[in-house]
Amino acid sequence: MSVESGSISPGLSKEEVAGFYDRNNRALTVIFGGNMHYGYWTGPDDPSGLEEAGARLTDVVIGKLGVKPGEKVLDLGCGTGGPGVRLARATGAEVVGVSISTEDVAQASALAQAEGMAEQARFQFGDALALPFEDGSFDAVFAIETLVHVPDRVLVLKEIARVLRPGGRMAVTDYIKRGPDVDDEDAWLALNEALLEWRAAPMVRAEDYEGFGREAGIVIEEIDDITEHTKYTFGKLYAAMRAYQSEHGELPADLVQILDSGAGVDWSMVEEEEQNEGVIIVVGRRP
């Protein structure tokens, strides 16, 4: 959740996205239990908290990437470094992570140092649409909840294709529209407001990715809708934000706004409903 370039909607710039993470990533990393992304639950009876479920989602994406020891992997939108360090340790790959949040980069670098992984996982400032790397620099690219901040998915996929070597692999997640388009104006405004609170771009649909890949020069090999596994995230997240607020006596203002927006929502009922929004993992390769 940490890379953006350009405008999401009128008045929302990439600097605002970076600022959101600069202000909130310390609290979010604690709240999410070491990550800043959705969790993956096996089903309604899975008792996992955000930390375990978030690590499981990271592992699912790593598994789809198929990285080998010694390969060079770009962690696009590295957040505070949890997934990148985990990938480096699990696979033996060399990981380079980028974010437009300077706080992300600082915390990710500190994590790699603390975990004894600084030689294998390093982090730096970088814009998703103007990556500071030469063509064909990486064997693989992975991005967990990064493309959700980029309005034009084709442009970021083109940049991914550029930095991948021929035959290089990609595994990314995205937040998608699943149900019918929202006709009710109040419902549309509420959804748009929720996206803006997280500095997220308008959602796309899973079926859009075949065309995105063709335009960008990436062969899309798999689109896996994992919504039935990720739909438990927000119920757990709102509970964790309330717990953080109670324990620390405060919550960053951006997160207070998000928490207030979800007040009164019965998340257990939401989880039982047909999901109109969801999460996909997209796997592809550069020809």
C-alpha atoms as a PDB file:
ATOM      1  CA  MET A   1       0.000   0.000   0.000  1.00  0.00           C
ATOM      2  CA  SER A   2       2.714   2.502  -0.570  1.00  0.00           C
ATOM      3  CA  VAL A   3       3.432   3.419  -4.192  1.00  0.00           C
ATOM      4  CA  GLU A   4       1.555   5.957  -6.300  1.00  0.00           C
ATOM      5  CA  SER A   5       2.257   8.326  -9.131  1.00  0.00           C
ATOM      6  CA  GLY A   6       0.088  11.109 -10.426  1.00  0.00           C
ATOM      7  CA  SER A   7      -3.448  11.975  -9.380  1.00  0.00           C
ATOM      8  CA  ILE A   8      -5.975   9.499  -7.996  1.00  0.00           C
ATOM      9  CA  SER A   9      -8.854  11.938  -8.233  1.00  0.00           C
ATOM     10  CA  PRO A  10      -9.072  15.739  -8.417  1.00  0.00           C
ATOM     11  CA  GLY A  11      -7.178  17.197  -5.479  1.00  0.00           C
ATOM     12  CA  LEU A  12      -5.422  13.961  -4.433  1.00  0.00           C
ATOM     13  CA  SER A  13      -1.750  13.771  -5.378  1.00  0.00           C
ATOM     14  CA  LYS A  14       1.004  11.217  -4.959  1.00  0.00           C
ATOM     15  CA  GLU A  15       2.458  13.503  -2.296  1.00  0.00           C
ATOM     16  CA  GLU A  16      -0.735  13.048  -0.280  1.00  0.00           C
ATOM     17  CA  VAL A  17      -0.448   9.273  -0.622  1.00  0.00           C
ATOM     18  CA  ALA A  18       3.155   9.425   0.557  1.00  0.00           C
ATOM     19  CA  GLY A  19       2.114  11.708   3.395  1.00  0.00           C
ATOM     20  CA  PHE A  20      -0.601   9.278   4.473  1.00  0.00           C
ATOM     21  CA  TYR A  21       1.970   6.535   4.962  1.00  0.00           C
ATOM     22  CA  ASP A  22       4.551   8.885   6.476  1.00  0.00           C
ATOM     23  CA  ARG A  23       1.984   9.837   9.115  1.00  0.00           C
ATOM     24  CA  ASN A  24       0.380   6.464   9.718  1.00  0.00           C
ATOM     25  CA  ASN A  25       2.707   3.591   8.876  1.00  0.00           C
ATOM     26  CA  ARG A  26       4.083   3.116  12.387  1.00  0.00           C
ATOM     27  CA  ALA A  27       0.597   2.708  13.821  1.00  0.00           C
ATOM     28  CA  LEU A  28      -0.612   0.628  10.862  1.00  0.00           C
ATOM     29  CA  THR A  29       2.335  -1.765  11.113  1.00  0.00           C
ATOM     30  CA  VAL A  30       1.510  -2.396  14.778  1.00  0.00           C
ATOM     31  CA  ILE A  31      -2.221  -2.705  14.046  1.00  0.00           C
ATOM     32  CA  PHE A  32      -1.700  -5.136  11.161  1.00  0.00           C
ATOM     33  CA  GLY A  33       0.920  -7.086  13.103  1.00  0.00           C
ATOM     34  CA  GLY A  34       3.974  -6.394  10.963  1.00  0.00           C
ATOM     35  CA  ASN A  35       2.372  -5.792   7.556  1.00  0.00           C
ATOM     36  CA  MET A  36       0.065  -3.204   6.034  1.00  0.00           C
ATOM     37  CA  HIS A  37      -2.127  -5.413   3.892  1.00  0.00           C
ATOM     38  CA  TYR A  38      -5.091  -7.785   3.820  1.00  0.00           C
ATOM     39  CA  GLY A  39      -4.996 -11.096   5.599  1.00  0.00           C
ATOM     40  CA  TYR A  40      -5.757 -14.545   4.208  1.00  0.00           C
ATOM     41  CA  TRP A  41      -8.061 -16.793   6.249  1.00  0.00           C
ATOM     42  CA  THR A  42      -8.848 -20.416   5.476  1.00  0.00           C
ATOM     43  CA  GLY A  43     -12.529 -19.923   6.333  1.00  0.00           C
ATOM     44  CA  PRO A  44     -14.996 -18.536   8.880  1.00  0.00           C
ATOM     45  CA  ASP A  45     -13.670 -20.783  11.657  1.00  0.00           C
ATOM     46  CA  ASP A  46     -10.045 -19.733  11.187  1.00  0.00           C
ATOM     47  CA  PRO A  47      -9.080 -17.965  14.462  1.00  0.00           C
ATOM     48  CA  SER A  48      -6.015 -16.244  13.003  1.00  0.00           C
ATOM     49  CA  GLY A  49      -5.387 -12.629  13.864  1.00  0.00           C
ATOM     50  CA  LEU A  50      -4.163  -9.993  11.436  1.00  0.00           C
ATOM     51  CA  GLU A  51      -0.500 -10.852  11.986  1.00  0.00           C
ATOM     52  CA  GLU A  52      -0.821 -14.535  11.113  1.00  0.00           C
ATOM     53  CA  ALA A  53      -3.307 -13.979   8.300  1.00  0.00           C
ATOM     54  CA  GLY A  54      -1.207 -11.170   6.819  1.00  0.00           C
ATOM     55  CA  ALA A  55       1.881 -13.378   6.808  1.00  0.00           C
ATOM     56  CA  ARG A  56      -0.176 -16.130   5.155  1.00  0.00           C
ATOM     57  CA  LEU A  57      -1.200 -13.797   2.334  1.00  0.00           C
ATOM     58  CA  THR A  58       2.432 -12.827   1.849  1.00  0.00           C
ATOM     59  CA  ASP A  59       3.329 -16.511   1.619  1.00  0.00           C
ATOM     60  CA  VAL A  60       0.560 -17.157  -0.920  1.00  0.00           C
ATOM     61  CA  VAL A  61       1.911 -14.389  -3.174  1.00  0.00           C
ATOM     62  CA  ILE A  62       5.503 -15.582  -2.717  1.00  0.00           C
ATOM     63  CA  GLY A  63       4.397 -19.090  -3.684  1.00  0.00           C
ATOM     64  CA  LYS A  64       2.839 -17.857  -6.906  1.00  0.00           C
ATOM     65  CA  LEU A  65       5.998 -15.929  -7.799  1.00  0.00           C
ATOM     66  CA  GLY A  66       8.202 -19.052  -7.747  1.00  0.00           C
ATOM     67  CA  VAL A  67      11.416 -17.272  -6.807  1.00  0.00           C
ATOM     68  CA  LYS A  68      14.725 -19.189  -6.653  1.00  0.00           C
ATOM     69  CA  PRO A  69      17.792 -18.543  -4.483  1.00  0.00           C
ATOM     70  CA  GLY A  70      20.025 -15.811  -5.864  1.00  0.00           C
ATOM     71  CA  GLU A  71      17.354 -14.246  -8.068  1.00  0.00           C
ATOM     72  CA  LYS A  72      16.763 -10.512  -7.843  1.00  0.00           C
ATOM     73  CA  VAL A  73      13.244  -9.431  -6.843  1.00  0.00           C
ATOM     74  CA  LEU A  74      11.653  -5.984  -6.810  1.00  0.00           C
ATOM     75  CA  ASP A  75       9.242  -5.384  -3.928  1.00  0.00           C
ATOM     76  CA  LEU A  76       7.123  -2.655  -5.490  1.00  0.00           C
ATOM     77  CA  GLY A  77       5.488  -0.620  -2.732  1.00  0.00           C
ATOM     78  CA  CYS A  78       7.448  -2.222   0.072  1.00  0.00           C
ATOM     79  CA  GLY A  79       5.605  -0.699   3.017  1.00  0.00           C
ATOM     80  CA  THR A  80       7.579  -1.088   6.237  1.00  0.00           C
ATOM     81  CA  GLY A  81       9.458  -4.087   4.884  1.00  0.00           C
ATOM     82  CA  GLY A  82       7.731  -7.113   6.393  1.00  0.00           C
ATOM     83  CA  PRO A  83       6.838  -8.894   3.120  1.00  0.00           C
ATOM     84  CA  GLY A  84      10.169  -8.132   1.438  1.00  0.00           C
ATOM     85  CA  VAL A  85      12.224  -9.417   4.358  1.00  0.00           C
ATOM     86  CA  ARG A  86       9.987 -12.486   4.554  1.00  0.00           C
ATOM     87  CA  LEU A  87      10.465 -13.188   0.837  1.00  0.00           C
ATOM     88  CA  ALA A  88      14.235 -12.816   1.091  1.00  0.00           C
ATOM     89  CA  ARG A  89      14.444 -15.187   4.040  1.00  0.00           C
ATOM     90  CA  ALA A  90      12.040 -17.765   2.579  1.00  0.00           C
ATOM     91  CA  THR A  91      13.547 -17.941  -0.909  1.00  0.00           C
ATOM     92  CA  GLY A  92      17.189 -16.887  -0.682  1.00  0.00           C
ATOM     93  CA  ALA A  93      16.505 -14.180  -3.265  1.00  0.00           C
ATOM     94  CA  GLU A  94      17.979 -10.690  -3.231  1.00  0.00           C
ATOM     95  CA  VAL A  95      15.162  -8.190  -2.605  1.00  0.00           C
ATOM     96  CA  VAL A  96      15.106  -4.509  -3.467  1.00  0.00           C
ATOM     97  CA  GLY A  97      12.069  -2.669  -2.121  1.00  0.00           C
ATOM     98  CA  VAL A  98      10.810   0.770  -3.126  1.00  0.00           C
ATOM     99  CA  SER A  99       8.242   3.182  -1.725  1.00  0.00           C
ATOM    100  CA  ILE A 100       7.375   6.854  -2.175  1.00  0.00           C
ATOM    101  CA  SER A 101       7.089   7.135   1.608  1.00  0.00           C
ATOM    102  CA  THR A 102      10.416   8.070   3.181  1.00  0.00           C
ATOM    103  CA  GLU A 103       9.098   6.733   6.496  1.00  0.00           C
ATOM    104  CA  ASP A 104       8.374   3.395   4.832  1.00  0.00           C
ATOM    105  CA  VAL A 105      11.930   3.221   3.544  1.00  0.00           C
ATOM    106  CA  ALA A 106      13.411   4.126   6.928  1.00  0.00           C
ATOM    107  CA  GLN A 107      11.358   1.561   8.816  1.00  0.00           C
ATOM    108  CA  ALA A 108      11.880  -1.175   6.220  1.00  0.00           C
ATOM    109  CA  SER A 109      15.643  -0.607   6.307  1.00  0.00           C
ATOM    110  CA  ALA A 110      15.624  -0.724  10.108  1.00  0.00           C
ATOM    111  CA  LEU A 111      13.639  -3.977  10.039  1.00  0.00           C
ATOM    112  CA  ALA A 112      16.071  -5.611   7.612  1.00  0.00           C
ATOM    113  CA  GLN A 113      18.974  -4.540   9.838  1.00  0.00           C
ATOM    114  CA  ALA A 114      17.271  -5.815  13.003  1.00  0.00           C
ATOM    115  CA  GLU A 115      16.458  -9.147  11.341  1.00  0.00           C
ATOM    116  CA  GLY A 116      20.014  -9.603  10.091  1.00  0.00           C
ATOM    117  CA  MET A 117      18.808  -9.391   6.478  1.00  0.00           C
ATOM    118  CA  ALA A 118      20.264  -6.041   5.407  1.00  0.00           C
ATOM    119  CA  GLU A 119      22.676  -7.677   2.947  1.00  0.00           C
ATOM    120  CA  GLN A 120      19.824  -9.522   1.263  1.00  0.00           C
ATOM    121  CA  ALA A 121      16.941  -7.034   1.514  1.00  0.00           C
ATOM    122  CA  ARG A 122      17.474  -3.328   0.953  1.00  0.00           C
ATOM    123  CA  PHE A 123      14.969  -0.526   0.565  1.00  0.00           C
ATOM    124  CA  GLN A 124      15.000   2.830  -1.187  1.00  0.00           C
ATOM    125  CA  PHE A 125      12.798   5.646  -2.385  1.00  0.00           C
ATOM    126  CA  GLY A 126      11.128   4.962  -5.728  1.00  0.00           C
ATOM    127  CA  ASP A 127       8.104   5.949  -7.798  1.00  0.00           C
ATOM    128  CA  ALA A 128       6.073   3.127  -9.367  1.00  0.00           C
ATOM    129  CA  LEU A 129       5.838   4.972 -12.690  1.00  0.00           C
ATOM    130  CA  ALA A 130       9.464   6.079 -12.857  1.00  0.00           C
ATOM    131  CA  LEU A 131      11.479   3.309 -11.261  1.00  0.00           C
ATOM    132  CA  PRO A 132      15.186   4.124 -10.749  1.00  0.00           C
ATOM    133  CA  PHE A 133      16.388   0.921 -12.402  1.00  0.00           C
ATOM    134  CA  GLU A 134      17.659  -0.057 -15.814  1.00  0.00           C
ATOM    135  CA  ASP A 135      15.654  -2.219 -18.193  1.00  0.00           C
ATOM    136  CA  GLY A 136      15.689  -5.928 -17.345  1.00  0.00           C
ATOM    137  CA  SER A 137      17.083  -5.428 -13.834  1.00  0.00           C
ATOM    138  CA  PHE A 138      14.913  -8.010 -12.051  1.00  0.00           C
ATOM    139  CA  ASP A 139      14.009 -11.679 -12.279  1.00  0.00           C
ATOM    140  CA  ALA A 140      10.671 -11.051 -10.546  1.00  0.00           C
ATOM    141  CA  VAL A 141       8.426  -8.284  -9.231  1.00  0.00           C
ATOM    142  CA  PHE A 142       5.900  -8.589  -6.478  1.00  0.00           C
ATOM    143  CA  ALA A 143       3.518  -5.936  -5.192  1.00  0.00           C
ATOM    144  CA  ILE A 144       1.040  -6.448  -2.375  1.00  0.00           C
ATOM    145  CA  GLU A 145      -1.642  -3.743  -2.244  1.00  0.00           C
ATOM    146  CA  THR A 146       0.378  -1.296  -4.283  1.00  0.00           C
ATOM    147  CA  LEU A 147      -1.565  -1.084  -7.526  1.00  0.00           C
ATOM    148  CA  VAL A 148      -4.628  -0.049  -5.511  1.00  0.00           C
ATOM    149  CA  HIS A 149      -3.002   3.394  -5.311  1.00  0.00           C
ATOM    150  CA  VAL A 150      -2.291   3.741  -9.050  1.00  0.00           C
ATOM    151  CA  PRO A 151      -5.213   4.979 -11.179  1.00  0.00           C
ATOM    152  CA  ASP A 152      -3.763   3.779 -14.495  1.00  0.00           C
ATOM    153  CA  ARG A 153      -2.846   0.130 -13.976  1.00  0.00           C
ATOM    154  CA  VAL A 154      -1.482  -0.154 -17.520  1.00  0.00           C
ATOM    155  CA  LEU A 155       1.182   2.478 -16.873  1.00  0.00           C
ATOM    156  CA  VAL A 156       2.498   0.738 -13.769  1.00  0.00           C
ATOM    157  CA  LEU A 157       2.381  -2.657 -15.503  1.00  0.00           C
ATOM    158  CA  LYS A 158       4.426  -1.176 -18.356  1.00  0.00           C
ATOM    159  CA  GLU A 159       7.039  -0.068 -15.855  1.00  0.00           C
ATOM    160  CA  ILE A 160       7.022  -3.532 -14.275  1.00  0.00           C
ATOM    161  CA  ALA A 161       7.518  -5.052 -17.729  1.00  0.00           C
ATOM    162  CA  ARG A 162      10.381  -2.665 -18.420  1.00  0.00           C
ATOM    163  CA  VAL A 163      12.390  -3.618 -15.324  1.00  0.00           C
ATOM    164  CA  LEU A 164      11.753  -7.368 -15.716  1.00  0.00           C
ATOM    165  CA  ARG A 165      14.216  -9.428 -17.715  1.00  0.00           C
ATOM    166  CA  PRO A 166      12.713 -11.483 -20.587  1.00  0.00           C
ATOM    167  CA  GLY A 167      10.913 -14.399 -18.978  1.00  0.00           C
ATOM    168  CA  GLY A 168      10.729 -12.544 -15.655  1.00  0.00           C
ATOM    169  CA  ARG A 169       7.695 -13.085 -13.439  1.00  0.00           C
ATOM    170  CA  MET A 170       5.194 -10.839 -11.708  1.00  0.00           C
ATOM    171  CA  ALA A 171       2.724 -11.434  -8.861  1.00  0.00           C
ATOM    172  CA  VAL A 172       0.600  -8.496  -7.694  1.00  0.00           C
ATOM    173  CA  THR A 173      -2.587  -8.002  -5.732  1.00  0.00           C
ATOM    174  CA  ASP A 174      -5.364  -5.543  -6.447  1.00  0.00           C
ATOM    175  CA  TYR A 175      -8.634  -4.444  -4.878  1.00  0.00           C
ATOM    176  CA  ILE A 176     -11.474  -4.997  -7.356  1.00  0.00           C
ATOM    177  CA  LYS A 177     -15.115  -4.440  -8.126  1.00  0.00           C
ATOM    178  CA  ARG A 178     -17.006  -7.747  -8.192  1.00  0.00           C
ATOM    179  CA  GLY A 179     -20.706  -6.898  -8.119  1.00  0.00           C
ATOM    180  CA  PRO A 180     -22.826  -4.691 -10.347  1.00  0.00           C
ATOM    181  CA  ASP A 181     -21.969  -1.025 -10.702  1.00  0.00           C
ATOM    182  CA  VAL A 182     -23.381   1.087  -7.891  1.00  0.00           C
ATOM    183  CA  ASP A 183     -26.489   2.953  -9.084  1.00  0.00           C
ATOM    184  CA  ASP A 184     -27.454   4.512  -5.757  1.00  0.00           C
ATOM    185  CA  GLU A 185     -25.745   7.905  -5.445  1.00  0.00           C
ATOM    186  CA  ASP A 186     -25.402   7.720  -1.655  1.00  0.00           C
ATOM    187  CA  ALA A 187     -23.826   4.274  -1.875  1.00  0.00           C
ATOM    188  CA  TRP A 188     -21.463   5.452  -4.606  1.00  0.00           C
ATOM    189  CA  LEU A 189     -20.406   8.476  -2.553  1.00  0.00           C
ATOM    190  CA  ALA A 190     -19.835   6.284   0.506  1.00  0.00           C
ATOM    191  CA  LEU A 191     -17.654   3.876  -1.488  1.00  0.00           C
ATOM    192  CA  ASN A 192     -15.691   6.704  -3.074  1.00  0.00           C
ATOM    193  CA  GLU A 193     -15.148   8.316   0.324  1.00  0.00           C
ATOM    194  CA  ALA A 194     -13.864   5.025   1.752  1.00  0.00           C
ATOM    195  CA  LEU A 195     -11.365   4.693  -1.112  1.00  0.00           C
ATOM    196  CA  LEU A 196     -10.181   8.258  -0.621  1.00  0.00           C
ATOM    197  CA  GLU A 197      -9.729   7.737   3.116  1.00  0.00           C
ATOM    198  CA  TRP A 198      -7.167   5.047   2.255  1.00  0.00           C
ATOM    199  CA  ARG A 199      -5.788   7.178  -0.637  1.00  0.00           C
ATOM    200  CA  ALA A 200      -6.863   4.415  -3.024  1.00  0.00           C
ATOM    201  CA  ALA A 201      -7.580   4.737  -6.736  1.00  0.00           C
ATOM    202  CA  PRO A 202     -10.879   3.743  -8.372  1.00  0.00           C
ATOM    203  CA  MET A 203     -11.313  -0.024  -8.473  1.00  0.00           C
ATOM    204  CA  VAL A 204     -11.032  -2.102 -11.624  1.00  0.00           C
ATOM    205  CA  ARG A 205     -12.455  -5.557 -12.385  1.00  0.00           C
ATOM    206  CA  ALA A 206     -10.598  -8.847 -12.521  1.00  0.00           C
ATOM    207  CA  GLU A 207     -11.472  -9.312 -16.184  1.00  0.00           C
ATOM    208  CA  ASP A 208      -9.758  -6.002 -17.033  1.00  0.00           C
ATOM    209  CA  TYR A 209      -6.340  -7.500 -16.380  1.00  0.00           C
ATOM    210  CA  GLU A 210      -6.133  -9.518 -19.594  1.00  0.00           C
ATOM    211  CA  GLY A 211      -6.336  -6.278 -21.558  1.00  0.00           C
ATOM    212  CA  PHE A 212      -4.054  -4.434 -19.152  1.00  0.00           C
ATOM    213  CA  GLY A 213      -1.431  -7.124 -19.659  1.00  0.00           C
ATOM    214  CA  ARG A 214      -1.668  -6.994 -23.456  1.00  0.00           C
ATOM    215  CA  GLU A 215      -1.183  -3.220 -23.434  1.00  0.00           C
ATOM    216  CA  ALA A 216       1.703  -3.399 -21.000  1.00  0.00           C
ATOM    217  CA  GLY A 217       3.582  -6.271 -22.617  1.00  0.00           C
ATOM    218  CA  ILE A 218       2.960  -8.814 -19.856  1.00  0.00           C
ATOM    219  CA  VAL A 219       1.397 -12.228 -20.453  1.00  0.00           C
ATOM    220  CA  ILE A 220      -1.256 -12.730 -17.768  1.00  0.00           C
ATOM    221  CA  GLU A 221      -1.094 -16.363 -16.681  1.00  0.00           C
ATOM    222  CA  GLU A 222      -3.423 -16.410 -13.681  1.00  0.00           C
ATOM    223  CA  ILE A 223      -6.038 -14.207 -12.040  1.00  0.00           C
ATOM    224  CA  ASP A 224      -6.975 -15.679  -8.671  1.00  0.00           C
ATOM    225  CA  ASP A 225      -9.938 -14.140  -6.854  1.00  0.00           C
ATOM    226  CA  ILE A 226      -9.147 -14.665  -3.149  1.00  0.00           C
ATOM    227  CA  THR A 227     -12.006 -12.564  -1.762  1.00  0.00           C
ATOM    228  CA  GLU A 228     -13.512 -15.469   0.195  1.00  0.00           C
ATOM    229  CA  HIS A 229     -10.215 -15.642   2.089  1.00  0.00           C
ATOM    230  CA  THR A 230      -9.603 -11.907   2.553  1.00  0.00           C
ATOM    231  CA  LYS A 231     -13.143 -10.721   3.393  1.00  0.00           C
ATOM    232  CA  TYR A 232     -12.533 -11.096   7.125  1.00  0.00           C
ATOM    233  CA  THR A 233      -9.863  -8.385   7.122  1.00  0.00           C
ATOM    234  CA  PHE A 234     -11.936  -5.308   7.879  1.00  0.00           C
ATOM    235  CA  GLY A 235     -13.766  -6.760  10.856  1.00  0.00           C
ATOM    236  CA  LYS A 236     -10.409  -7.703  12.387  1.00  0.00           C
ATOM    237  CA  LEU A 237      -8.855  -4.386  11.349  1.00  0.00           C
ATOM    238  CA  TYR A 238     -11.477  -2.181  12.976  1.00  0.00           C
ATOM    239  CA  ALA A 239     -11.239  -4.208  16.183  1.00  0.00           C
ATOM    240  CA  ALA A 240      -7.432  -3.873  16.115  1.00  0.00           C
ATOM    241  CA  MET A 241      -7.638  -0.101  15.556  1.00  0.00           C
ATOM    242  CA  ARG A 242      -9.956   0.252  18.554  1.00  0.00           C
ATOM    243  CA  ALA A 243      -7.575  -1.851  20.647  1.00  0.00           C
ATOM    244  CA  TYR A 244      -4.610   0.282  19.558  1.00  0.00           C
ATOM    245  CA  GLN A 245      -6.505   3.456  20.420  1.00  0.00           C
ATOM    246  CA  SER A 246      -7.396   2.083  23.848  1.00  0.00           C
ATOM    247  CA  GLU A 247      -3.863   0.896  24.593  1.00  0.00           C
ATOM    248  CA  HIS A 248      -2.024   3.985  23.332  1.00  0.00           C
ATOM    249  CA  GLY A 249      -4.634   6.564  24.248  1.00  0.00           C
ATOM    250  CA  GLU A 250      -4.681   7.956  20.722  1.00  0.00           C
ATOM    251  CA  LEU A 251      -4.826   7.087  17.047  1.00  0.00           C
ATOM    252  CA  PRO A 252      -3.457   9.137  14.124  1.00  0.00           C
ATOM    253  CA  ALA A 253      -6.098  11.512  12.779  1.00  0.00           C
ATOM    254  CA  ASP A 254      -6.364   9.761   9.396  1.00  0.00           C
ATOM    255  CA  LEU A 255      -7.075   6.468  11.149  1.00  0.00           C
ATOM    256  CA  VAL A 256      -9.596   8.090  13.495  1.00  0.00           C
ATOM    257  CA  GLN A 257     -11.512   9.182  10.390  1.00  0.00           C
ATOM    258  CA  ILE A 258     -11.384   5.652   8.965  1.00  0.00           C
ATOM    259  CA  LEU A 259     -12.468   4.176  12.301  1.00  0.00           C
ATOM    260  CA  ASP A 260     -15.359   6.621  12.599  1.00  0.00           C
ATOM    261  CA  SER A 261     -16.527   5.747   9.076  1.00  0.00           C
ATOM    262  CA  GLY A 262     -16.847   2.092  10.077  1.00  0.00           C
ATOM    263  CA  ALA A 263     -18.613   2.763  13.357  1.00  0.00           C
ATOM    264  CA  GLY A 264     -21.847   0.828  13.647  1.00  0.00           C
ATOM    265  CA  VAL A 265     -21.026  -1.629  10.856  1.00  0.00           C
ATOM    266  CA  ASP A 266     -21.742  -5.238  11.757  1.00  0.00           C
ATOM    267  CA  TRP A 267     -18.751  -6.820  10.057  1.00  0.00           C
ATOM    268  CA  SER A 268     -19.913 -10.358  10.793  1.00  0.00           C
ATOM    269  CA  MET A 269     -23.000  -9.676   8.684  1.00  0.00           C
ATOM    270  CA  VAL A 270     -20.924  -8.060   5.946  1.00  0.00           C
ATOM    271  CA  GLU A 271     -18.737 -11.171   5.804  1.00  0.00           C
ATOM    272  CA  GLU A 272     -21.798 -13.356   5.197  1.00  0.00           C
ATOM    273  CA  GLU A 273     -23.073 -11.229   2.308  1.00  0.00           C
ATOM    274  CA  GLU A 274     -22.107 -11.519  -1.353  1.00  0.00           C
ATOM    275  CA  GLN A 275     -18.951  -9.437  -1.686  1.00  0.00           C
ATOM    276  CA  ASN A 276     -19.274  -6.541  -4.141  1.00  0.00           C
ATOM    277  CA  GLU A 277     -15.606  -5.667  -3.700  1.00  0.00           C
ATOM    278  CA  GLY A 278     -12.706  -8.048  -3.299  1.00  0.00           C
ATOM    279  CA  VAL A 279      -9.065  -8.964  -3.801  1.00  0.00           C
ATOM    280  CA  ILE A 280      -7.240 -10.724  -6.626  1.00  0.00           C
ATOM    281  CA  ILE A 281      -3.729 -12.004  -7.191  1.00  0.00           C
ATOM    282  CA  VAL A 282      -2.512 -11.488 -10.747  1.00  0.00           C
ATOM    283  CA  VAL A 283       0.386 -13.590 -12.010  1.00  0.00           C
ATOM    284  CA  GLY A 284       2.169 -12.832 -15.258  1.00  0.00           C
ATOM    285  CA  ARG A 285       5.478 -12.855 -17.071  1.00  0.00           C
ATOM    286  CA  ARG A 286       7.396 -10.752 -19.525  1.00  0.00           C
ATOM    287  CA  PRO A 287       7.690 -12.671 -22.825  1.00  0.00           C
END
